[in-house]
Amino acid sequence: MKVIVDNKIPYIEEAIRKVADEVVFLPGNAFTPEVVKDADALIVRTRTHCNRDLLQGSQVKFIATATIGFDHIDTDYCREAGITWTNCPGCNAGSVEQYVHSSLLLLKKEKGLNFEETTLGVVGVGHVGSRVARMAEALGMKVLLNDSPRADKGEQGFVGLDVLAKECDIITFHTPLNREGVYRTYHLADEDFFFSLKRTPYIINSSRGEVVDTASLLAALAAGRVKDAIIDTWEYEPSISRELREVAYIATPHIAGYSADGKANATRMSLEALCR
């Protein structure tokens, strides 16, 4: 078995060499059709776009991405080509929770936020959002949850995005990026959303940059509809909005989940998936 591995994935070399007969380590942007054509499996990160252009005519049968997000994988083509793929949901959930926790503590210290008088809205209550909700409740906050897919399955305890817009002092986003479909999250926080806000909340985005419409957020900040912004994920990464960077209360380069334990979890989950 031949496996090609992104050479920035940590903690993997010793274990993968025990599993595969041949292992090739390459930068994420060096995966080409010629390179992967005789590989059985790929272990990648977001820099490698696994689509028809890369995979057609190859013998690849399995792809693991050592990331939560998988929008760099053409899942429709993989299904068509009989290629199994997997991602690592929740691998860095603890790290992102700590990022949001730290941000809340800074808001308390520097902005005078009173947790007991604060309502936090969590948009997307999966691996990360559920942990953020528990953490915020432990701090004494009232927490409102929004998760349309879970609500549509009949689960209880969720409210609409309109309720968050009316009642929340902080709104934090933890959804995947879905560009199409009934659960589309692309520009979920758009101009209409920001105009619907009633309590001048803080906005936190550590999910995907495109979930929040940058232009609309900037307009809302300028108009005083949003009190401040904490931004870890950006539209058009690796490019960022310099204007948003300058006005955001906290601006970080997509590092909320970038921790040693998160990387180790992703590597372990990718290896376990390959072994299965």
Protein backbone atom coordinates (compact mmCIF):
# COMPACT_ATOMS: atom_id res chain seq x y z
CA MET A 1 0.00 0.00 0.00
CA LYS A 2 1.29 3.42 -0.97
CA VAL A 3 0.19 6.48 1.01
CA ILE A 4 1.00 10.12 0.26
CA VAL A 5 0.95 12.38 3.32
CA ASP A 6 1.01 16.15 3.73
CA ASN A 7 4.37 16.83 5.33
CA LYS A 8 2.94 19.41 7.75
CA ILE A 9 0.79 16.82 9.56
CA PRO A 10 2.52 16.23 12.92
CA TYR A 11 3.05 13.05 14.93
CA ILE A 12 2.30 10.77 11.98
CA GLU A 13 5.56 9.46 10.54
CA GLU A 14 6.36 6.63 12.95
CA ALA A 15 2.83 5.25 12.95
CA ILE A 16 2.14 5.52 9.21
CA ARG A 17 5.34 3.67 8.36
CA LYS A 18 4.07 0.72 10.42
CA VAL A 19 0.81 0.68 8.43
CA ALA A 20 1.88 1.31 4.83
CA ASP A 21 4.50 -0.32 2.60
CA GLU A 22 5.47 2.98 0.99
CA VAL A 23 5.00 6.48 2.38
CA VAL A 24 5.70 9.73 0.54
CA PHE A 25 5.68 13.07 2.38
CA LEU A 26 4.97 16.18 0.30
CA PRO A 27 3.89 19.80 0.78
CA GLY A 28 0.16 20.22 0.43
CA ASN A 29 0.46 22.10 -2.86
CA ALA A 30 2.72 19.43 -4.39
CA PHE A 31 -0.03 16.82 -4.80
CA THR A 32 -0.38 16.57 -8.58
CA PRO A 33 -2.13 14.03 -10.85
CA GLU A 34 1.26 12.54 -11.77
CA VAL A 35 2.25 12.18 -8.11
CA VAL A 36 -0.98 10.59 -6.85
CA LYS A 37 -1.79 8.32 -9.81
CA ASP A 38 -0.27 5.18 -8.22
CA ALA A 39 -1.17 5.99 -4.61
CA ASP A 40 -3.75 3.97 -2.70
CA ALA A 41 -4.48 6.60 -0.07
CA LEU A 42 -3.94 10.30 0.62
CA ILE A 43 -3.74 12.04 3.99
CA VAL A 44 -4.11 15.76 3.39
CA ARG A 45 -4.95 19.15 4.84
CA THR A 46 -6.97 21.99 3.37
CA ARG A 47 -4.24 23.09 0.94
CA THR A 48 -4.80 19.98 -1.21
CA HIS A 49 -7.91 20.18 -3.38
CA CYS A 50 -9.10 16.62 -3.90
CA ASN A 51 -11.22 16.85 -7.03
CA ARG A 52 -11.57 15.34 -10.48
CA ASP A 53 -8.56 17.25 -11.78
CA LEU A 54 -6.33 15.64 -9.18
CA LEU A 55 -7.84 12.18 -8.87
CA GLN A 56 -9.19 11.08 -12.25
CA GLY A 57 -7.25 8.09 -13.59
CA SER A 58 -5.54 7.41 -10.26
CA GLN A 59 -5.86 4.31 -8.12
CA VAL A 60 -6.65 6.35 -4.98
CA LYS A 61 -9.38 4.66 -2.94
CA PHE A 62 -9.17 6.54 0.35
CA ILE A 63 -8.65 10.16 1.43
CA ALA A 64 -8.35 11.41 5.00
CA THR A 65 -8.18 15.11 5.70
CA ALA A 66 -6.64 15.88 9.08
CA THR A 67 -9.04 18.80 9.49
CA ILE A 68 -12.60 19.43 10.57
CA GLY A 69 -13.54 21.20 7.35
CA PHE A 70 -13.80 19.24 4.11
CA ASP A 71 -14.85 21.83 1.54
CA HIS A 72 -11.53 21.12 -0.25
CA ILE A 73 -12.80 17.61 -1.05
CA ASP A 74 -15.16 17.17 -4.00
CA THR A 75 -17.42 14.69 -2.24
CA ASP A 76 -19.67 14.22 -5.28
CA TYR A 77 -16.72 13.19 -7.43
CA CYS A 78 -15.39 10.88 -4.71
CA ARG A 79 -18.75 9.14 -4.54
CA GLU A 80 -18.82 8.83 -8.32
CA ALA A 81 -15.27 7.42 -8.38
CA GLY A 82 -15.75 5.04 -5.45
CA ILE A 83 -13.30 6.89 -3.24
CA THR A 84 -13.95 6.78 0.51
CA TRP A 85 -13.12 9.98 2.37
CA THR A 86 -13.13 11.06 5.98
CA ASN A 87 -12.51 14.19 8.01
CA CYS A 88 -11.83 14.75 11.73
CA PRO A 89 -14.91 16.32 13.31
CA GLY A 90 -14.30 17.61 16.80
CA CYS A 91 -10.54 17.08 16.72
CA ASN A 92 -9.84 20.62 17.93
CA ALA A 93 -13.13 21.36 19.68
CA GLY A 94 -11.41 21.82 23.02
CA SER A 95 -8.99 24.33 21.53
CA VAL A 96 -11.72 26.45 19.95
CA GLU A 97 -13.68 26.34 23.19
CA GLN A 98 -10.60 27.70 24.98
CA TYR A 99 -10.26 30.46 22.38
CA VAL A 100 -13.86 31.58 22.95
CA HIS A 101 -13.46 31.23 26.73
CA SER A 102 -10.35 33.44 26.64
CA SER A 103 -12.20 35.98 24.50
CA LEU A 104 -15.07 36.11 26.99
CA LEU A 105 -12.66 36.62 29.89
CA LEU A 106 -11.04 39.52 28.01
CA LEU A 107 -14.47 41.05 27.40
CA LYS A 108 -15.12 40.84 31.13
CA LYS A 109 -11.72 42.31 32.06
CA GLU A 110 -11.43 45.03 29.43
CA LYS A 111 -15.03 45.80 28.45
CA GLY A 112 -16.77 45.28 31.78
CA LEU A 113 -18.97 42.40 30.61
CA ASN A 114 -21.09 40.96 33.42
CA PHE A 115 -21.55 37.24 32.74
CA GLU A 116 -24.63 36.94 34.96
CA GLU A 117 -26.40 39.63 32.91
CA THR A 118 -25.26 38.35 29.51
CA THR A 119 -27.11 36.22 26.97
CA LEU A 120 -24.89 34.25 24.60
CA GLY A 121 -26.19 32.86 21.31
CA VAL A 122 -24.47 29.82 19.83
CA VAL A 123 -25.04 29.28 16.11
CA GLY A 124 -24.20 25.66 15.26
CA VAL A 125 -24.31 23.26 18.19
CA GLY A 126 -22.00 20.45 17.12
CA HIS A 127 -18.70 19.34 18.60
CA VAL A 128 -17.49 22.90 19.22
CA GLY A 129 -20.74 24.74 19.80
CA SER A 130 -21.95 22.29 22.44
CA ARG A 131 -18.72 22.73 24.40
CA VAL A 132 -18.92 26.52 24.11
CA ALA A 133 -22.50 26.41 25.39
CA ARG A 134 -21.55 24.35 28.45
CA MET A 135 -18.60 26.62 29.18
CA ALA A 136 -20.72 29.78 28.94
CA GLU A 137 -23.38 28.32 31.22
CA ALA A 138 -20.68 27.47 33.76
CA LEU A 139 -19.63 31.14 33.66
CA GLY A 140 -23.18 32.11 34.60
CA MET A 141 -24.46 33.21 31.20
CA LYS A 142 -27.87 32.56 29.75
CA VAL A 143 -27.30 30.53 26.56
CA LEU A 144 -29.57 30.29 23.51
CA LEU A 145 -28.91 27.61 20.91
CA ASN A 146 -29.50 27.73 17.15
CA ASP A 147 -29.01 24.62 15.01
CA SER A 148 -31.50 24.26 12.16
CA PRO A 149 -30.51 20.70 11.09
CA ARG A 150 -30.91 19.39 14.65
CA ALA A 151 -34.13 21.31 15.20
CA ASP A 152 -35.59 19.91 11.97
CA LYS A 153 -34.85 16.40 13.23
CA GLY A 154 -37.19 17.07 16.16
CA GLU A 155 -34.56 17.78 18.79
CA GLN A 156 -35.65 20.21 21.48
CA GLY A 157 -33.98 23.27 22.97
CA PHE A 158 -33.25 25.25 19.81
CA VAL A 159 -34.49 28.67 18.71
CA GLY A 160 -34.43 30.52 15.42
CA LEU A 161 -31.67 32.87 14.34
CA ASP A 162 -34.20 35.69 14.65
CA VAL A 163 -34.50 34.99 18.39
CA LEU A 164 -30.74 35.25 18.80
CA ALA A 165 -30.76 38.53 16.89
CA LYS A 166 -33.34 39.94 19.29
CA GLU A 167 -32.11 38.63 22.64
CA CYS A 168 -28.34 38.04 22.58
CA ASP A 169 -25.50 40.21 23.84
CA ILE A 170 -22.91 37.95 22.19
CA ILE A 171 -23.39 35.74 19.12
CA THR A 172 -20.74 33.14 18.30
CA PHE A 173 -20.67 31.10 15.09
CA HIS A 174 -19.67 27.41 14.99
CA THR A 175 -21.21 26.09 11.77
CA PRO A 176 -19.62 24.32 8.82
CA LEU A 177 -19.51 26.17 5.50
CA ASN A 178 -22.36 25.05 3.25
CA ARG A 179 -22.57 27.09 0.06
CA GLU A 180 -25.82 25.56 -1.20
CA GLY A 181 -28.88 23.71 0.00
CA VAL A 182 -31.53 24.13 2.66
CA TYR A 183 -28.90 24.48 5.37
CA ARG A 184 -26.80 27.01 3.49
CA THR A 185 -24.45 28.84 5.86
CA TYR A 186 -22.61 30.99 3.30
CA HIS A 187 -23.21 34.59 4.46
CA LEU A 188 -25.54 33.34 7.17
CA ALA A 189 -24.76 36.60 8.94
CA ASP A 190 -25.65 38.95 6.10
CA GLU A 191 -27.03 42.47 5.78
CA ASP A 192 -30.55 41.40 6.82
CA PHE A 193 -29.16 39.61 9.88
CA PHE A 194 -27.21 42.64 11.05
CA PHE A 195 -30.17 44.95 10.50
CA SER A 196 -32.30 42.60 12.66
CA LEU A 197 -30.02 42.90 15.71
CA LYS A 198 -31.70 44.48 18.73
CA ARG A 199 -29.06 44.50 21.49
CA THR A 200 -25.81 45.67 19.83
CA PRO A 201 -24.04 42.35 20.41
CA TYR A 202 -20.45 41.25 20.16
CA ILE A 203 -19.91 38.96 17.15
CA ILE A 204 -17.46 36.04 17.34
CA ASN A 205 -16.53 33.99 14.27
CA SER A 206 -14.18 31.04 14.67
CA SER A 207 -16.00 28.73 12.23
CA ARG A 208 -15.50 29.64 8.56
CA GLY A 209 -14.86 33.12 7.25
CA GLU A 210 -17.60 33.03 4.64
CA VAL A 211 -20.29 32.36 7.26
CA VAL A 212 -20.14 36.09 8.06
CA ASP A 213 -20.47 38.62 5.23
CA THR A 214 -17.46 40.87 5.83
CA ALA A 215 -18.89 43.93 4.07
CA SER A 216 -22.12 43.71 6.07
CA LEU A 217 -20.24 43.23 9.35
CA LEU A 218 -18.09 46.29 8.63
CA ALA A 219 -21.20 48.33 7.89
CA ALA A 220 -22.85 47.11 11.10
CA LEU A 221 -19.76 48.01 13.15
CA ALA A 222 -19.63 51.46 11.58
CA ALA A 223 -23.34 52.03 12.24
CA GLY A 224 -23.14 50.84 15.85
CA ARG A 225 -25.40 47.82 15.33
CA VAL A 226 -22.51 45.54 16.43
CA LYS A 227 -20.53 46.50 19.53
CA ASP A 228 -17.31 44.74 18.55
CA ALA A 229 -16.03 41.74 16.62
CA ILE A 230 -13.74 38.84 17.46
CA ILE A 231 -12.57 37.30 14.19
CA ASP A 232 -10.42 34.20 13.76
CA THR A 233 -11.68 33.05 10.36
CA TRP A 234 -11.77 35.28 7.28
CA GLU A 235 -13.38 35.43 3.89
CA TYR A 236 -10.98 34.69 1.04
CA GLU A 237 -8.29 33.09 3.21
CA PRO A 238 -5.32 33.32 3.12
CA SER A 239 -6.22 36.90 2.15
CA ILE A 240 -7.97 38.90 4.85
CA SER A 241 -9.90 42.15 5.12
CA ARG A 242 -7.34 44.63 6.41
CA GLU A 243 -10.19 46.99 7.23
CA LEU A 244 -11.84 44.39 9.46
CA ARG A 245 -8.52 43.53 11.04
CA GLU A 246 -8.05 47.15 12.04
CA VAL A 247 -11.47 47.58 13.66
CA ALA A 248 -11.93 44.13 15.24
CA TYR A 249 -11.49 43.87 19.01
CA ILE A 250 -9.55 40.61 18.50
CA ALA A 251 -8.19 39.56 15.10
CA THR A 252 -6.29 36.27 14.79
CA PRO A 253 -5.07 34.30 11.74
CA HIS A 254 -7.29 31.18 11.95
CA ILE A 255 -5.50 29.77 14.99
CA ALA A 256 -8.38 29.06 17.39
CA GLY A 257 -8.07 25.33 16.78
CA TYR A 258 -4.36 25.33 16.07
CA SER A 259 -3.07 23.48 19.12
CA ALA A 260 -0.87 20.49 19.81
CA ASP A 261 -3.73 18.41 21.19
CA GLY A 262 -5.99 19.32 18.26
CA LYS A 263 -3.32 18.29 15.74
CA ALA A 264 -2.60 15.06 17.62
CA ASN A 265 -6.32 14.21 17.67
CA ALA A 266 -6.61 14.83 13.92
CA THR A 267 -3.60 12.64 13.17
CA ARG A 268 -4.94 9.84 15.35
CA MET A 269 -8.41 10.02 13.77
CA SER A 270 -6.94 9.97 10.25
CA LEU A 271 -4.80 6.93 11.03
CA GLU A 272 -7.70 5.08 12.65
CA ALA A 273 -9.86 5.78 9.58
CA LEU A 274 -7.12 4.51 7.26
CA CYS A 275 -6.80 1.32 9.32
CA ARG A 276 -10.56 0.73 9.22
